[in-house]
């Protein structure tokens, strides 16, 4: 359901599902929380390019992940190129919880430039 790639200062977590909804949210949330604990709460790039649908429960999972990381002085950023999901993110003002990029390369560049500061 979720695959992680680990780098020096961050991890990329990619959803391997098409829908983050009331049916998939419990397993997705559990998987992400397990990975966060296992990896000792690194900065996260959450790759959402496989998602084509997300409901309110899915949004709450993303907000909760972002909050947990902030509590550990870490950051989550999302990568999404679906105009439908991006529109939902902006309507729900999720960009106030985490940064949103359109490509993995842009997200990686953000963390690389942050590391240099």
Protein backbone atom coordinates (compact mmCIF):
# COMPACT_ATOMS: atom_id res chain seq x y z
CA UNK A 1 0.00 0.00 0.00
CA UNK A 2 2.92 2.35 0.80
CA UNK A 3 6.51 2.07 -0.37
CA UNK A 4 9.36 4.04 1.22
CA UNK A 5 12.68 5.09 -0.28
CA UNK A 6 15.16 6.40 2.28
CA UNK A 7 17.77 9.08 1.73
CA UNK A 8 20.19 10.80 4.13
CA UNK A 9 17.84 13.44 5.49
CA UNK A 10 14.39 12.45 4.23
CA UNK A 11 12.23 9.60 2.95
CA UNK A 12 9.91 9.40 -0.03
CA UNK A 13 6.69 7.55 0.77
CA UNK A 14 4.70 6.56 -2.28
CA UNK A 15 1.07 5.50 -2.14
CA UNK A 16 0.58 2.35 -4.23
CA UNK A 17 -3.21 2.76 -4.22
CA UNK A 18 -5.56 4.79 -6.40
CA UNK A 19 -8.02 5.85 -3.69
CA UNK A 20 -7.45 7.16 -0.18
CA UNK A 21 -10.92 6.84 1.27
CA UNK A 22 -12.85 5.36 4.20
CA UNK A 23 -11.97 1.85 3.01
CA UNK A 24 -8.22 2.32 2.53
CA UNK A 25 -7.48 5.00 5.12
CA UNK A 26 -7.08 2.72 8.17
CA UNK A 27 -4.41 0.54 6.50
CA UNK A 28 -2.69 3.53 4.90
CA UNK A 29 -2.56 5.38 8.21
CA UNK A 30 -1.22 2.32 10.02
CA UNK A 31 1.40 1.76 7.31
CA UNK A 32 2.62 5.35 7.40
CA UNK A 33 2.73 5.45 11.20
CA UNK A 34 4.70 2.21 11.30
CA UNK A 35 7.18 3.57 8.74
CA UNK A 36 7.53 6.85 10.64
CA UNK A 37 8.30 5.00 13.87
CA UNK A 38 10.63 2.57 12.11
CA UNK A 39 12.53 5.39 10.39
CA UNK A 40 12.60 7.61 13.50
CA UNK A 41 10.46 10.39 12.00
CA UNK A 42 12.48 11.71 9.04
CA UNK A 43 11.32 14.56 6.82
CA UNK A 44 8.85 13.08 4.35
CA UNK A 45 8.04 13.55 0.69
CA UNK A 46 4.60 12.01 0.28
CA UNK A 47 4.22 10.92 -3.36
CA UNK A 48 0.54 11.04 -4.29
CA UNK A 49 0.88 10.59 -8.07
CA UNK A 50 -0.94 7.22 -8.01
CA UNK A 51 -3.99 8.65 -6.24
CA UNK A 52 -6.99 9.65 -8.31
CA UNK A 53 -9.47 10.02 -5.44
CA UNK A 54 -9.27 11.19 -1.84
CA UNK A 55 -12.11 11.77 0.62
CA UNK A 56 -12.34 13.61 3.95
CA UNK A 57 -10.86 10.68 5.88
CA UNK A 58 -7.90 10.67 3.51
CA UNK A 59 -7.43 14.41 4.03
CA UNK A 60 -7.46 13.92 7.80
CA UNK A 61 -4.72 11.26 7.51
CA UNK A 62 -2.51 13.72 5.62
CA UNK A 63 -3.13 16.44 8.21
CA UNK A 64 -2.38 14.05 11.08
CA UNK A 65 0.87 12.89 9.47
CA UNK A 66 1.94 16.50 9.00
CA UNK A 67 1.15 17.30 12.64
CA UNK A 68 3.06 14.27 13.95
CA UNK A 69 6.10 15.23 11.95
CA UNK A 70 5.92 18.85 13.15
CA UNK A 71 5.76 17.59 16.75
CA UNK A 72 9.08 15.87 16.01
CA UNK A 73 10.56 18.98 14.34
CA UNK A 74 10.19 17.37 10.92
CA UNK A 75 8.32 18.33 7.79
CA UNK A 76 6.05 16.62 5.29
CA UNK A 77 5.65 17.84 1.74
CA UNK A 78 3.34 16.34 -0.85
CA UNK A 79 3.87 15.68 -4.52
CA UNK A 80 0.68 15.75 -6.55
CA UNK A 81 -0.05 16.46 -10.19
CA UNK A 82 -3.75 15.59 -10.28
CA UNK A 83 -5.70 18.79 -10.93
CA UNK A 84 -8.76 17.28 -9.23
CA UNK A 85 -6.87 16.46 -6.03
CA UNK A 86 -4.94 19.73 -6.07
CA UNK A 87 -8.21 21.64 -6.32
CA UNK A 88 -9.49 19.75 -3.26
CA UNK A 89 -6.26 20.50 -1.37
CA UNK A 90 -6.57 24.22 -2.03
CA UNK A 91 -10.29 24.32 -1.18
CA UNK A 92 -9.54 22.49 2.09
CA UNK A 93 -6.52 24.79 2.60
CA UNK A 94 -4.13 21.87 3.05
CA UNK A 95 -1.35 24.08 1.72
CA UNK A 96 -1.43 25.72 5.17
CA UNK A 97 -0.41 22.37 6.71
CA UNK A 98 2.25 21.31 4.22
CA UNK A 99 3.92 22.40 1.00
CA UNK A 100 2.72 20.88 -2.26
CA UNK A 101 4.96 20.31 -5.29
CA UNK A 102 4.13 18.97 -8.73
CA UNK A 103 7.24 16.78 -9.14
CA UNK A 104 9.49 14.61 -6.99
CA UNK A 105 12.50 16.52 -8.31
CA UNK A 106 11.07 19.83 -7.06
CA UNK A 107 10.36 18.29 -3.66
CA UNK A 108 13.86 16.80 -3.41
CA UNK A 109 15.37 20.15 -4.40
CA UNK A 110 13.37 21.81 -1.61
CA UNK A 111 14.81 19.45 1.03
CA UNK A 112 18.31 19.75 -0.48
CA UNK A 113 18.20 23.55 -0.29
CA UNK A 114 16.76 23.36 3.24
CA UNK A 115 19.67 21.13 4.30
CA UNK A 116 22.20 23.70 3.03
CA UNK A 117 20.77 26.45 5.23
